[in-house]
């Protein structure tokens, strides 16, 4: 059984986001134990300076680093990451499963991730060159993890 930790800056407020995430976590439970860790987004004034924003991102990075499980294959979701097809993503999961059954995914808040948080990862992943809210990114990640593990198990979900 895989261990998947998803470290998110910011939480889910609306029930439809929570319901979507719960559904995919339930589906994933046949292959993986999924743990979602929410780190509060640092508060900033209405018009923060670059220095204030950078300091908040570094503080979030410190909290993220504390939550990464030892030995996990770490992936940061970020716009400058590489895009993969679902099949390619499944192949990445499969190849990493041979050396580690532990994965950690990092999703930034509305201000993204610090460079240091991105540097904690072995892989930088992007779902699109478009920018998505962190809530959408969480659902997309869970769905793609479910799709990848379905592909690897020969399931019918990926058609």
Protein backbone atom coordinates (compact mmCIF):
# COMPACT_ATOMS: atom_id res chain seq x y z
CA UNK A 1 0.00 0.00 0.00
CA UNK A 2 1.32 3.41 -0.98
CA UNK A 3 1.58 6.34 1.41
CA UNK A 4 0.56 9.60 -0.23
CA UNK A 5 0.85 12.85 1.68
CA UNK A 6 -0.61 16.00 0.18
CA UNK A 7 0.64 19.16 1.84
CA UNK A 8 -1.56 22.14 1.03
CA UNK A 9 -1.21 25.79 1.92
CA UNK A 10 -4.75 26.88 2.70
CA UNK A 11 -7.89 24.95 3.40
CA UNK A 12 -11.13 24.06 1.71
CA UNK A 13 -14.14 26.12 2.75
CA UNK A 14 -16.87 25.08 0.34
CA UNK A 15 -18.49 21.67 0.79
CA UNK A 16 -18.27 20.83 -2.93
CA UNK A 17 -14.44 20.94 -2.78
CA UNK A 18 -14.44 18.83 0.37
CA UNK A 19 -16.88 16.34 -1.18
CA UNK A 20 -14.83 15.99 -4.37
CA UNK A 21 -11.62 15.41 -2.40
CA UNK A 22 -13.32 12.92 -0.08
CA UNK A 23 -14.64 10.96 -3.06
CA UNK A 24 -11.20 10.60 -4.66
CA UNK A 25 -9.54 9.78 -1.34
CA UNK A 26 -12.15 7.04 -0.87
CA UNK A 27 -11.46 5.70 -4.37
CA UNK A 28 -7.70 5.80 -3.78
CA UNK A 29 -8.02 3.83 -0.54
CA UNK A 30 -7.84 0.52 -2.40
CA UNK A 31 -4.21 1.29 -3.32
CA UNK A 32 -3.00 4.02 -0.99
CA UNK A 33 -3.30 5.66 2.37
CA UNK A 34 -3.83 9.34 1.59
CA UNK A 35 -3.10 12.00 4.20
CA UNK A 36 -3.94 15.63 3.54
CA UNK A 37 -2.12 18.20 5.66
CA UNK A 38 -3.33 21.79 5.52
CA UNK A 39 -0.94 24.57 6.46
CA UNK A 40 -2.52 27.95 7.14
CA UNK A 41 -1.69 30.59 4.58
CA UNK A 42 0.22 33.45 6.21
CA UNK A 43 -1.84 36.62 6.49
CA UNK A 44 -0.68 39.68 4.66
CA UNK A 45 -1.94 43.25 4.37
CA UNK A 46 -4.24 44.16 1.46
CA UNK A 47 -1.35 45.44 -0.66
CA UNK A 48 1.74 43.58 0.58
CA UNK A 49 5.22 44.54 -0.48
CA UNK A 50 7.42 42.02 -2.25
CA UNK A 51 9.43 41.65 0.95
CA UNK A 52 6.28 40.90 2.96
CA UNK A 53 5.11 38.36 0.39
CA UNK A 54 8.53 36.70 0.23
CA UNK A 55 8.67 36.47 4.04
CA UNK A 56 5.21 34.86 4.12
CA UNK A 57 6.20 32.33 1.45
CA UNK A 58 9.40 31.48 3.35
CA UNK A 59 7.39 30.97 6.56
CA UNK A 60 5.03 28.65 4.66
CA UNK A 61 8.07 26.83 3.23
CA UNK A 62 9.35 26.17 6.75
CA UNK A 63 6.03 24.61 7.73
CA UNK A 64 5.88 22.57 4.51
CA UNK A 65 9.38 21.18 5.09
CA UNK A 66 8.39 19.97 8.58
CA UNK A 67 5.50 17.96 7.14
CA UNK A 68 7.31 16.05 4.39
CA UNK A 69 7.63 12.39 5.39
CA UNK A 70 11.19 11.05 5.51
CA UNK A 71 12.06 9.13 2.35
CA UNK A 72 9.08 10.42 0.37
CA UNK A 73 9.36 11.22 -3.32
CA UNK A 74 8.43 14.90 -3.28
CA UNK A 75 6.55 16.66 -6.08
CA UNK A 76 5.70 20.36 -6.12
CA UNK A 77 2.74 21.55 -8.15
CA UNK A 78 3.78 24.77 -9.81
CA UNK A 79 3.13 26.58 -13.07
CA UNK A 80 6.73 26.25 -14.23
CA UNK A 81 6.61 22.49 -13.68
CA UNK A 82 6.53 20.01 -16.50
CA UNK A 83 3.26 18.83 -18.00
CA UNK A 84 2.69 15.08 -18.40
CA UNK A 85 -0.05 12.98 -19.92
CA UNK A 86 -1.98 10.75 -17.54
CA UNK A 87 -0.07 7.75 -18.84
CA UNK A 88 3.28 9.48 -18.30
CA UNK A 89 2.24 10.45 -14.78
CA UNK A 90 1.30 6.80 -14.11
CA UNK A 91 4.74 5.75 -15.39
CA UNK A 92 6.41 8.20 -12.98
CA UNK A 93 4.41 6.79 -10.09
CA UNK A 94 5.26 3.23 -11.16
CA UNK A 95 8.99 3.93 -11.44
CA UNK A 96 9.10 5.65 -8.04
CA UNK A 97 7.12 2.83 -6.43
CA UNK A 98 10.12 0.58 -7.06
CA UNK A 99 12.31 2.65 -4.76
CA UNK A 100 9.78 4.22 -2.39
CA UNK A 101 6.18 3.59 -1.48
CA UNK A 102 5.95 7.09 -0.06
CA UNK A 103 4.97 10.17 -2.03
CA UNK A 104 4.51 13.79 -0.95
CA UNK A 105 2.86 16.45 -3.08
CA UNK A 106 3.08 20.16 -2.28
CA UNK A 107 0.36 22.61 -3.30
CA UNK A 108 0.89 26.29 -2.61
CA UNK A 109 -1.73 28.82 -1.61
CA UNK A 110 -2.97 31.81 -3.55
CA UNK A 111 0.56 33.25 -3.73
CA UNK A 112 2.10 29.98 -4.92
CA UNK A 113 5.26 28.48 -3.43
CA UNK A 114 8.62 29.95 -2.54
CA UNK A 115 11.57 28.86 -4.62
CA UNK A 116 12.85 27.05 -1.54
CA UNK A 117 9.64 25.02 -1.28
CA UNK A 118 9.95 24.11 -4.96
CA UNK A 119 13.56 23.11 -4.36
CA UNK A 120 12.41 20.56 -1.76
CA UNK A 121 10.92 18.54 -4.60
CA UNK A 122 12.46 16.00 -6.94
CA UNK A 123 9.74 16.71 -9.51
CA UNK A 124 7.93 19.90 -10.48
CA UNK A 125 4.52 19.16 -11.97
CA UNK A 126 2.11 21.42 -13.83
CA UNK A 127 -1.41 20.53 -14.90
CA UNK A 128 -1.49 23.45 -17.32
CA UNK A 129 0.19 26.74 -18.10
CA UNK A 130 -3.01 28.30 -16.77
CA UNK A 131 -3.20 29.29 -13.12
CA UNK A 132 -5.71 27.39 -10.97
CA UNK A 133 -6.90 28.05 -7.42
CA UNK A 134 -5.28 25.75 -4.89
CA UNK A 135 -8.66 24.10 -4.26
CA UNK A 136 -8.93 23.10 -7.92
CA UNK A 137 -5.32 21.89 -7.93
CA UNK A 138 -6.06 19.61 -4.98
CA UNK A 139 -9.03 17.99 -6.71
CA UNK A 140 -7.09 17.67 -9.98
CA UNK A 141 -4.17 16.04 -8.18
CA UNK A 142 -6.39 13.53 -6.39
CA UNK A 143 -8.20 12.70 -9.62
CA UNK A 144 -4.93 12.22 -11.51
CA UNK A 145 -3.52 10.04 -8.73
CA UNK A 146 -6.66 7.91 -8.92
CA UNK A 147 -6.38 7.77 -12.71
CA UNK A 148 -2.66 6.84 -12.53
CA UNK A 149 -3.22 4.03 -10.05
CA UNK A 150 -6.21 2.83 -12.07
CA UNK A 151 -4.00 2.74 -15.19
CA UNK A 152 -1.33 0.80 -13.30
CA UNK A 153 -3.85 -1.73 -12.03
CA UNK A 154 -5.42 -2.25 -15.45
CA UNK A 155 -8.70 -0.66 -14.37
CA UNK A 156 -11.40 0.69 -16.67
CA UNK A 157 -11.46 4.26 -15.32
CA UNK A 158 -8.94 5.56 -17.86
CA UNK A 159 -10.69 5.39 -21.21
